[in-house]
Structures are given as structure tokens and as C-alpha cells.
Protein backbone atom coordinates (compact mmCIF):
# COMPACT_ATOMS: atom_id res chain seq x y z
CA UNK A 1 0.00 0.00 0.00
CA UNK A 2 2.81 2.45 0.83
CA UNK A 3 4.34 1.94 -2.63
CA UNK A 4 0.98 2.70 -4.28
CA UNK A 5 0.55 5.88 -2.25
CA UNK A 6 4.08 6.96 -3.04
CA UNK A 7 3.52 6.45 -6.76
CA UNK A 8 0.26 8.46 -6.68
CA UNK A 9 2.01 11.26 -4.82
CA UNK A 10 4.80 11.33 -7.40
CA UNK A 11 2.25 11.74 -10.18
CA UNK A 12 0.86 14.87 -8.58
CA UNK A 13 2.26 18.29 -9.44
CA UNK A 14 4.43 19.94 -6.77
CA UNK A 15 3.42 23.62 -6.62
CA UNK A 16 4.59 26.80 -4.92
CA UNK A 17 2.01 29.46 -4.17
CA UNK A 18 1.25 32.33 -1.85
CA UNK A 19 -1.68 31.63 0.46
CA UNK A 20 -3.81 33.26 3.13
CA UNK A 21 -4.15 31.08 6.26
CA UNK A 22 -6.97 32.99 7.93
CA UNK A 23 -9.26 36.02 7.65
CA UNK A 24 -6.39 38.40 8.29
CA UNK A 25 -5.85 38.03 4.56
CA UNK A 26 -2.07 38.05 4.88
CA UNK A 27 -0.42 35.90 2.20
CA UNK A 28 2.83 33.99 2.58
CA UNK A 29 4.65 31.16 0.74
CA UNK A 30 2.77 27.87 0.59
CA UNK A 31 3.88 24.51 -0.79
CA UNK A 32 1.17 22.12 -1.99
CA UNK A 33 0.40 19.59 -4.73
CA UNK A 34 -2.05 19.70 -7.59
CA UNK A 35 -3.70 16.68 -9.16
CA UNK A 36 -1.97 14.75 -11.90
CA UNK A 37 -2.60 15.82 -15.50
CA UNK A 38 -5.62 13.78 -16.64
CA UNK A 39 -6.74 12.85 -20.14
CA UNK A 40 -8.71 16.10 -20.59
CA UNK A 41 -6.31 18.33 -18.68
CA UNK A 42 -3.56 20.75 -19.52
CA UNK A 43 -0.78 21.80 -17.16
CA UNK A 44 0.26 25.44 -17.17
CA UNK A 45 3.49 27.09 -16.12
CA UNK A 46 1.88 30.27 -14.82
CA UNK A 47 3.35 33.49 -16.18
CA UNK A 48 0.98 36.18 -14.89
CA UNK A 49 -1.96 36.37 -12.50
CA UNK A 50 -4.16 39.42 -12.17
CA UNK A 51 -5.42 40.68 -8.82
CA UNK A 52 -9.20 41.12 -8.75
CA UNK A 53 -11.07 42.93 -5.97
CA UNK A 54 -12.84 39.61 -5.35
CA UNK A 55 -9.48 38.16 -4.30
CA UNK A 56 -9.29 40.78 -1.55
CA UNK A 57 -12.82 39.97 -0.38
CA UNK A 58 -12.12 36.25 -0.35
CA UNK A 59 -8.83 36.29 1.56
CA UNK A 60 -10.60 38.29 4.27
CA UNK A 61 -13.68 36.01 4.19
CA UNK A 62 -15.98 38.96 3.50
CA UNK A 63 -18.51 36.60 1.89
CA UNK A 64 -18.32 34.04 4.70
CA UNK A 65 -17.43 31.13 2.38
CA UNK A 66 -13.63 31.18 2.33
CA UNK A 67 -11.64 27.96 2.73
CA UNK A 68 -8.12 28.20 4.16
CA UNK A 69 -5.31 27.90 3.33
CA UNK A 70 -6.27 29.83 0.20
CA UNK A 71 -4.19 30.59 -2.90
CA UNK A 72 -6.18 33.32 -4.71
CA UNK A 73 -6.10 34.28 -8.38
CA UNK A 74 -8.56 33.78 -11.24
CA UNK A 75 -7.00 35.88 -14.01
CA UNK A 76 -4.36 33.37 -15.03
CA UNK A 77 -2.09 33.32 -18.07
CA UNK A 78 0.40 30.50 -18.52
CA UNK A 79 2.38 28.39 -20.96
CA UNK A 80 1.09 24.89 -21.67
CA UNK A 81 3.70 22.35 -20.58
CA UNK A 82 1.64 19.14 -20.75
CA UNK A 83 -1.55 17.96 -22.44
CA UNK A 84 -3.73 14.92 -21.79
CA UNK A 85 -4.43 12.24 -24.38
CA UNK A 86 -7.89 13.66 -25.18
CA UNK A 87 -6.90 17.31 -25.36
CA UNK A 88 -7.73 18.89 -28.72
CA UNK A 89 -7.79 22.62 -27.97
CA UNK A 90 -4.15 23.07 -26.94
CA UNK A 91 -0.62 21.95 -27.72
CA UNK A 92 2.51 22.12 -25.63
CA UNK A 93 3.95 25.63 -25.96
CA UNK A 94 0.61 27.40 -26.39
CA UNK A 95 -0.29 30.30 -24.12
CA UNK A 96 -3.58 29.67 -22.33
CA UNK A 97 -5.79 31.66 -20.00
CA UNK A 98 -8.03 30.56 -17.13
CA UNK A 99 -10.73 32.66 -15.47
CA UNK A 100 -12.97 32.18 -12.46
CA UNK A 101 -14.38 28.70 -13.15
CA UNK A 102 -12.54 25.35 -13.39
CA UNK A 103 -15.39 22.85 -13.15
CA UNK A 104 -19.14 22.28 -13.45
CA UNK A 105 -21.72 19.50 -13.65
CA UNK A 106 -21.27 19.18 -17.41
CA UNK A 107 -24.86 18.11 -18.03
CA UNK A 108 -27.23 21.02 -17.33
CA UNK A 109 -28.58 23.36 -20.02
CA UNK A 110 -26.06 26.06 -19.14
CA UNK A 111 -23.13 23.64 -19.40
CA UNK A 112 -24.37 22.39 -22.76
CA UNK A 113 -24.05 25.95 -24.05
CA UNK A 114 -20.64 26.51 -22.45
CA UNK A 115 -22.02 28.91 -19.85
CA UNK A 116 -20.34 27.12 -16.95
CA UNK A 117 -20.48 30.24 -14.77
CA UNK A 118 -24.25 29.80 -14.43
CA UNK A 119 -24.17 26.07 -13.64
CA UNK A 120 -25.65 25.42 -10.16
CA UNK A 121 -22.66 23.15 -9.50
CA UNK A 122 -19.94 25.35 -10.98
CA UNK A 123 -16.55 25.10 -9.27
CA UNK A 124 -14.57 28.25 -8.56
CA UNK A 125 -10.91 28.43 -9.50
CA UNK A 126 -9.99 28.70 -5.84
CA UNK A 127 -11.56 28.20 -2.41
CA UNK A 128 -13.98 25.54 -3.65
CA UNK A 129 -14.26 21.75 -3.64
CA UNK A 130 -13.29 20.03 -6.88
CA UNK A 131 -14.95 16.85 -8.21
CA UNK A 132 -12.43 14.67 -6.35
CA UNK A 133 -13.04 16.47 -3.05
CA UNK A 134 -9.81 18.45 -3.04
CA UNK A 135 -9.72 22.22 -2.47
CA UNK A 136 -9.11 24.31 -5.56
CA UNK A 137 -6.21 26.76 -5.44
CA UNK A 138 -5.71 29.73 -7.74
CA UNK A 139 -3.17 31.53 -9.85
CA UNK A 140 -0.86 33.06 -7.28
CA UNK A 141 1.24 29.96 -7.87
CA UNK A 142 3.71 28.56 -10.34
CA UNK A 143 1.61 25.75 -11.88
CA UNK A 144 -2.01 24.92 -12.65
CA UNK A 145 -3.73 21.75 -13.85
CA UNK A 146 -7.08 22.46 -15.52
CA UNK A 147 -9.63 20.80 -17.78
CA UNK A 148 -9.19 22.09 -21.34
CA UNK A 149 -12.83 23.22 -21.47
CA UNK A 150 -12.13 25.86 -18.83
CA UNK A 151 -9.21 27.47 -20.63
CA UNK A 152 -8.88 29.72 -23.67
CA UNK A 153 -6.10 30.28 -26.16
CA UNK A 154 -4.37 33.65 -25.74
CA UNK A 155 -3.61 35.25 -29.13
CA UNK A 156 0.09 35.76 -29.75
CA UNK A 157 -0.28 39.47 -30.43
CA UNK A 158 -1.64 40.30 -26.97
CA UNK A 159 0.78 41.45 -24.24
CA UNK A 160 0.37 38.74 -21.63
CA UNK A 161 0.40 40.97 -18.56
CA UNK A 162 -2.35 43.20 -19.96
CA UNK A 163 -4.32 40.19 -21.21
CA UNK A 164 -4.60 38.53 -17.80
CA UNK A 165 -7.35 40.82 -16.39
CA UNK A 166 -9.48 40.22 -19.49
CA UNK A 167 -10.14 36.71 -18.13
CA UNK A 168 -12.32 38.27 -15.42
CA UNK A 169 -12.77 42.01 -15.88
CA UNK A 170 -12.89 41.69 -19.65
CA UNK A 171 -15.50 38.97 -19.98
CA UNK A 172 -17.57 40.49 -17.17
CA UNK A 173 -18.26 43.57 -19.31
CA UNK A 174 -17.96 42.08 -22.81
CA UNK A 175 -20.53 39.35 -22.27
CA UNK A 176 -23.48 41.55 -21.20
CA UNK A 177 -22.78 44.01 -24.01
CA UNK A 178 -23.16 41.16 -26.48
CA UNK A 179 -25.99 39.29 -24.75
CA UNK A 180 -28.22 42.32 -24.20
CA UNK A 181 -27.72 43.75 -27.69
CA UNK A 182 -25.64 46.72 -26.62
CA UNK A 183 -22.53 46.00 -28.72
CA UNK A 184 -23.81 47.89 -31.76
CA UNK A 185 -22.30 50.88 -33.57
CA UNK A 186 -24.04 54.15 -32.84
CA UNK A 187 -25.71 53.12 -29.60
CA UNK A 188 -25.13 55.30 -26.54
CA UNK A 189 -23.66 53.36 -23.61
CA UNK A 190 -23.11 54.65 -20.10
CA UNK A 191 -20.32 53.08 -18.04
CA UNK A 192 -20.68 53.57 -14.28
CA UNK A 193 -17.33 53.49 -12.45
CA UNK A 194 -13.89 53.83 -13.97
CA UNK A 195 -11.97 51.07 -12.24
CA UNK A 196 -10.72 47.65 -13.25
CA UNK A 197 -13.98 46.72 -15.02
CA UNK A 198 -15.06 50.17 -16.14
CA UNK A 199 -11.93 51.13 -18.04
CA UNK A 200 -12.05 47.86 -20.02
CA UNK A 201 -15.77 48.41 -20.70
CA UNK A 202 -14.94 51.78 -22.27
CA UNK A 203 -12.31 50.18 -24.50
CA UNK A 204 -14.62 47.41 -25.73
CA UNK A 205 -17.54 49.81 -26.28
CA UNK A 206 -15.41 52.17 -28.36
CA UNK A 207 -14.16 49.21 -30.41
CA UNK A 208 -17.80 48.30 -31.07
CA UNK A 209 -18.32 51.81 -32.43
CA UNK A 210 -20.51 53.06 -29.60
CA UNK A 211 -20.93 56.52 -28.11
CA UNK A 212 -19.63 56.18 -24.55
CA UNK A 213 -20.33 58.29 -21.48
CA UNK A 214 -18.40 57.57 -18.29
CA UNK A 215 -20.51 58.11 -15.15
CA UNK A 216 -18.53 58.70 -11.96
CA UNK A 217 -18.63 60.29 -8.52
CA UNK A 218 -15.02 61.47 -8.94
CA UNK A 219 -14.37 64.68 -10.93
CA UNK A 220 -10.71 63.63 -11.21
CA UNK A 221 -11.72 60.75 -13.49
CA UNK A 222 -12.79 63.11 -16.27
CA UNK A 223 -9.35 63.70 -17.75
CA UNK A 224 -8.47 60.04 -18.06
CA UNK A 225 -11.94 59.07 -19.27
CA UNK A 226 -11.91 61.59 -22.12
CA UNK A 227 -8.18 61.34 -22.72
CA UNK A 228 -6.33 58.05 -22.92
CA UNK A 229 -9.48 55.89 -22.71
CA UNK A 230 -11.29 57.78 -25.47
CA UNK A 231 -14.75 58.15 -23.94
CA UNK A 232 -17.02 60.65 -25.69
CA UNK A 233 -18.49 62.28 -22.58
CA UNK A 234 -18.19 62.39 -18.81
CA UNK A 235 -21.06 62.70 -16.35
CA UNK A 236 -20.53 63.58 -12.70
CA UNK A 237 -23.26 61.58 -10.99
CA UNK A 238 -23.42 63.92 -7.99
CA UNK A 239 -24.25 66.92 -10.16
CA UNK A 240 -28.08 67.28 -10.43
CA UNK A 241 -27.84 69.52 -13.50
CA UNK A 242 -25.65 67.09 -15.42
CA UNK A 243 -28.05 64.27 -14.55
CA UNK A 244 -31.03 66.33 -15.71
CA UNK A 245 -29.35 67.23 -19.00
CA UNK A 246 -28.62 63.56 -19.72
CA UNK A 247 -32.09 62.22 -18.89
CA UNK A 248 -33.40 59.76 -21.46
CA UNK A 249 -30.28 59.76 -23.65
CA UNK A 250 -28.71 56.31 -23.14
CA UNK A 251 -29.58 53.02 -24.82
CA UNK A 252 -27.85 51.04 -22.10
CA UNK A 253 -25.74 51.35 -18.97
CA UNK A 254 -23.13 48.96 -17.60
CA UNK A 255 -22.86 49.51 -13.84
CA UNK A 256 -19.50 48.18 -12.61
CA UNK A 257 -19.64 49.62 -9.07
CA UNK A 258 -19.53 47.18 -6.15
CA UNK A 259 -19.90 49.81 -3.44
CA UNK A 260 -23.40 50.48 -2.14
CA UNK A 261 -25.08 53.14 -4.27
CA UNK A 262 -28.48 54.21 -5.56
CA UNK A 263 -29.41 53.20 -9.10
CA UNK A 264 -32.59 55.29 -9.30
CA UNK A 265 -30.89 58.19 -11.09
CA UNK A 266 -29.33 55.75 -13.57
CA UNK A 267 -32.76 54.51 -14.60
CA UNK A 268 -33.66 58.08 -15.49
CA UNK A 269 -30.72 58.30 -17.89
CA UNK A 270 -32.10 55.46 -20.03
CA UNK A 271 -34.14 55.92 -23.17
CA UNK A 272 -37.45 54.09 -23.54
CA UNK A 273 -36.63 50.33 -23.73
CA UNK A 274 -33.20 51.07 -22.20
CA UNK A 275 -31.28 48.47 -20.22
CA UNK A 276 -29.36 48.86 -16.97
CA UNK A 277 -26.96 45.94 -16.52
CA UNK A 278 -25.42 45.34 -13.10
CA UNK A 279 -22.02 43.64 -13.06
CA UNK A 280 -20.85 44.98 -9.70
CA UNK A 281 -22.13 43.36 -6.51
CA UNK A 282 -23.16 45.83 -3.78
CA UNK A 283 -23.63 44.19 -0.39
CA UNK A 284 -26.93 45.90 0.44
CA UNK A 285 -30.31 45.43 -1.21
CA UNK A 286 -31.21 47.69 -4.12
CA UNK A 287 -34.39 49.76 -3.97
CA UNK A 288 -36.04 51.24 -7.05
CA UNK A 289 -39.33 52.95 -7.86
CA UNK A 290 -41.50 50.87 -10.17
CA UNK A 291 -43.15 53.66 -12.15
CA UNK A 292 -40.05 54.85 -14.07
CA UNK A 293 -39.50 51.25 -15.18
CA UNK A 294 -43.11 50.77 -16.22
CA UNK A 295 -43.49 54.02 -18.13
CA UNK A 296 -40.25 53.52 -20.04
CA UNK A 297 -40.42 49.73 -20.43
CA UNK A 298 -36.91 49.72 -19.01
CA UNK A 299 -34.93 46.70 -17.88
CA UNK A 300 -32.68 46.07 -14.89
CA UNK A 301 -30.59 42.94 -15.33
CA UNK A 302 -27.44 41.31 -14.00
CA UNK A 303 -24.54 39.40 -15.51
CA UNK A 304 -21.71 37.40 -13.95
CA UNK A 305 -19.67 36.56 -17.04
CA UNK A 306 -19.83 34.62 -20.27
CA UNK A 307 -19.47 31.23 -21.86
CA UNK A 308 -16.31 29.48 -23.00
CA UNK A 309 -16.84 30.23 -26.69
CA UNK A 310 -17.65 33.83 -25.84
CA UNK A 311 -14.47 34.06 -23.76
CA UNK A 312 -12.43 32.97 -26.77
CA UNK A 313 -14.36 35.36 -28.99
CA UNK A 314 -13.55 38.17 -26.58
CA UNK A 315 -9.85 37.34 -26.58
CA UNK A 316 -9.73 37.28 -30.37
CA UNK A 317 -11.65 40.57 -30.54
CA UNK A 318 -9.25 42.13 -28.04
CA UNK A 319 -6.27 41.02 -30.13
CA UNK A 320 -7.83 42.46 -33.31
CA UNK A 321 -8.46 45.83 -31.65
CA UNK A 322 -5.36 45.94 -29.42
CA UNK A 323 -7.40 45.93 -26.23
CA UNK A 324 -5.70 45.10 -22.93
CA UNK A 325 -6.17 46.23 -19.37
CA UNK A 326 -4.03 49.05 -18.03
CA UNK A 327 -1.89 47.29 -15.45
CA UNK A 328 0.79 47.75 -12.83
CA UNK A 329 3.01 44.67 -12.85
CA UNK A 330 4.30 43.65 -9.42
CA UNK A 331 6.51 40.92 -7.92
CA UNK A 332 4.91 38.12 -5.92
CA UNK A 333 6.24 39.34 -2.58
CA UNK A 334 4.50 42.71 -3.09
CA UNK A 335 1.03 41.14 -3.02
CA UNK A 336 0.15 42.14 0.57
CA UNK A 337 1.03 45.75 -0.17
CA UNK A 338 -0.97 45.54 -3.38
CA UNK A 339 -4.01 44.37 -1.41
CA UNK A 340 -3.70 47.38 0.90
CA UNK A 341 -3.45 49.72 -2.07
CA UNK A 342 -6.38 48.01 -3.78
CA UNK A 343 -8.49 48.52 -0.65
CA UNK A 344 -7.74 52.23 -0.97
CA UNK A 345 -8.39 52.29 -4.75
CA UNK A 346 -4.74 53.13 -5.30
CA UNK A 347 -4.19 51.42 -8.67
CA UNK A 348 -4.76 52.24 -12.34
CA UNK A 349 -6.40 49.96 -13.06
CA UNK A 350 -5.30 46.42 -12.29
CA UNK A 351 -2.41 44.83 -10.44
CA UNK A 352 -0.85 41.88 -12.25
CA UNK A 353 1.67 39.58 -10.58
CA UNK A 354 4.74 38.60 -12.58
CA UNK A 355 4.50 35.05 -11.28
CA UNK A 356 7.08 33.33 -13.48
CA UNK A 357 9.92 35.69 -12.60
CA UNK A 358 9.16 36.32 -8.92
CA UNK A 359 7.29 33.36 -7.40
CA UNK A 360 10.49 31.98 -5.90
CA UNK A 361 11.32 35.23 -4.12
CA UNK A 362 11.14 34.42 -0.41
CA UNK A 363 9.17 31.25 -1.18
CA UNK A 364 11.34 28.83 0.71
């Protein structure tokens, strides 16, 4: 029996990561093993991993569902080093990306369409139980073993550090634009919040040929919105006159804000038949008046991401239009400082860890 166990252990993938051990959220080096590369799996040598605000919430157990020790990270870009016998989507040497989901039931209607994120039994990339009962661990690590169906091919023309956040922030805004019919030239789209999601939403919307208005509580965001990001207009949401002037002008709004805020004024900005799509996740309940919705036949909807084919479509679209996230690349041992800065909104617009070159720093 001991020989069998030893052989099974040798087949697993020895991995170095940085993990939180408790709700303090402090990360430190962590040695663990991943499962062996199965017939449908690919193994990645991780190159970059983006830092999402959800990572900060999870390491601190803000949602009450965290499993420790926890290696965060669900914006993962890596080089394929091994493929299973049934793998058809990837070859050794390819660059692949993995987002927030690494497993699902595989049999429900959502899974049949590739929309694993909406499967009732979807498995998160980290802090979840995999099919075999093990705890999933994320991209703040040097290796990842993942089913090919939960990975996408990264186009060669995309800078890999700037591509990493597209695997979460990118698909989170791209998918609802497509699904709700808002990715059409000439339509007027409002983008609420100019952070990690919002700045990518502006880039995609402009590539679709849309008229884009950034809606923000921060006057300081105006210069960057109209400048480097190329938005057509800026609306200060705390200015009653600006809100009044923009009433009934927008075909759709993508609300990326996760902080608690009122959406009533946003409904007023929509044209008749307009759509307000929530992609942020405020902690408190939303309250709205029914009459403005009824009289304008307006829609409030939510979206958590997209399907696997849509993810690949997004990546190819981003490559064609030179769309990447604006990032600050950091070493692995800076991650705790990055979390503190992220908490204070001190980043434009996404931290990305240079995993391949820095994971071994202080990892012994």
C-alpha cells in the first residue's frame, strides 16, 4: 500500500504558491500539490496572475465562504507544458488563460451551451471543492492543472500581462454588451465606475463603435476618461444639472460599481426600452421605484460573465483591436502591499503579478 501511495504522490504536481491562512488576509509562501494531469487536462506554467477585488474579499472572508489555506487568483495566463491524451484545444507551448471557473456538472442546459459560470454546480478556480473532493487553489502559484474546457487560447499578439485581467474584468463587461444587444455601432452606452472593469468596458464599447459616457462620482476621473481611454463624454453623478441634461439619452448602462449606491438616477438616464446591466455586486439590497421602469419599459438585469466560446471570442476581438487592461506589474512578494493599495483604490487599473519571474522570491 505504501508503494501505491508513493507512486500516486509522485504523479501529482508539486506547486509553490502564496496563500492566506486565515481572515487576516495576509499571504505567505505555501507549498502544496495539484492533481496529476488527466486525459482532458492541460498543465500550465503560470506566467501572470491578475489581482481582482474579489481576491481581496475572499482572503478576508468577507462573503463568509472562504476555505483556508487559500491561494487566490482567477485571471491566469500561462504556458502549456503538458496535455492529456484527449486534449484537442491546446498543444505544448501554447499560451492559455483561465478565469474564475474550473469545473461544473457538465450536463445542465447552461453547461451544454458553455455557460459554466451559471451552472448550479460550478466550481470556482480557488476556495472551492473540486470533483475529487480536493480544495481548488488559484493563480498566485507557479503551476495549474485544468480541464481544457475551462481554458482559452491567448492570441500571440496580446501582451500577456495586460491580457490577464481580461479573463475576469474583460469577460464580465464584454458578455453583457453582447448578450443584451448593446454592442452595436451608434448606440449610446453609459459606463458607471472607472476602475478595473469600467476602463475595459470603455475600450470594448469604443471598439464596437458606440458613443460612450463615463458616469462617476469622482471629478478627477474626467481627464483620463476623455483622454487616454477615449470616452465621448463624462457625467458627474453627484451633479443634479448634469443628470437632468442627460435624462433619457442612453440606450444602455453597464454599472460596474460594487460599493453600495443608488441606481434610481441611472434609470432616469435610459431611453425608452433602455437596459441597466449590473455587473458589480453591492452588499446591500437595491431599492427602485416601479413607475419609471413601467413608463419607459426599461430593464434592470445582471450578468456574472460569459461562456467558454464567448471568452475565446472576446480574446480574439481584443487582439484584433489591441485591447488590454491598463496594469501595474508587481513581484509576488508585493502582493500584501498591493491588497492594501487596492483597498484604498490606489491602482490604475489592475495589479498583475509577474508570477514566473518572482514566485520563488522568499518562497522557501
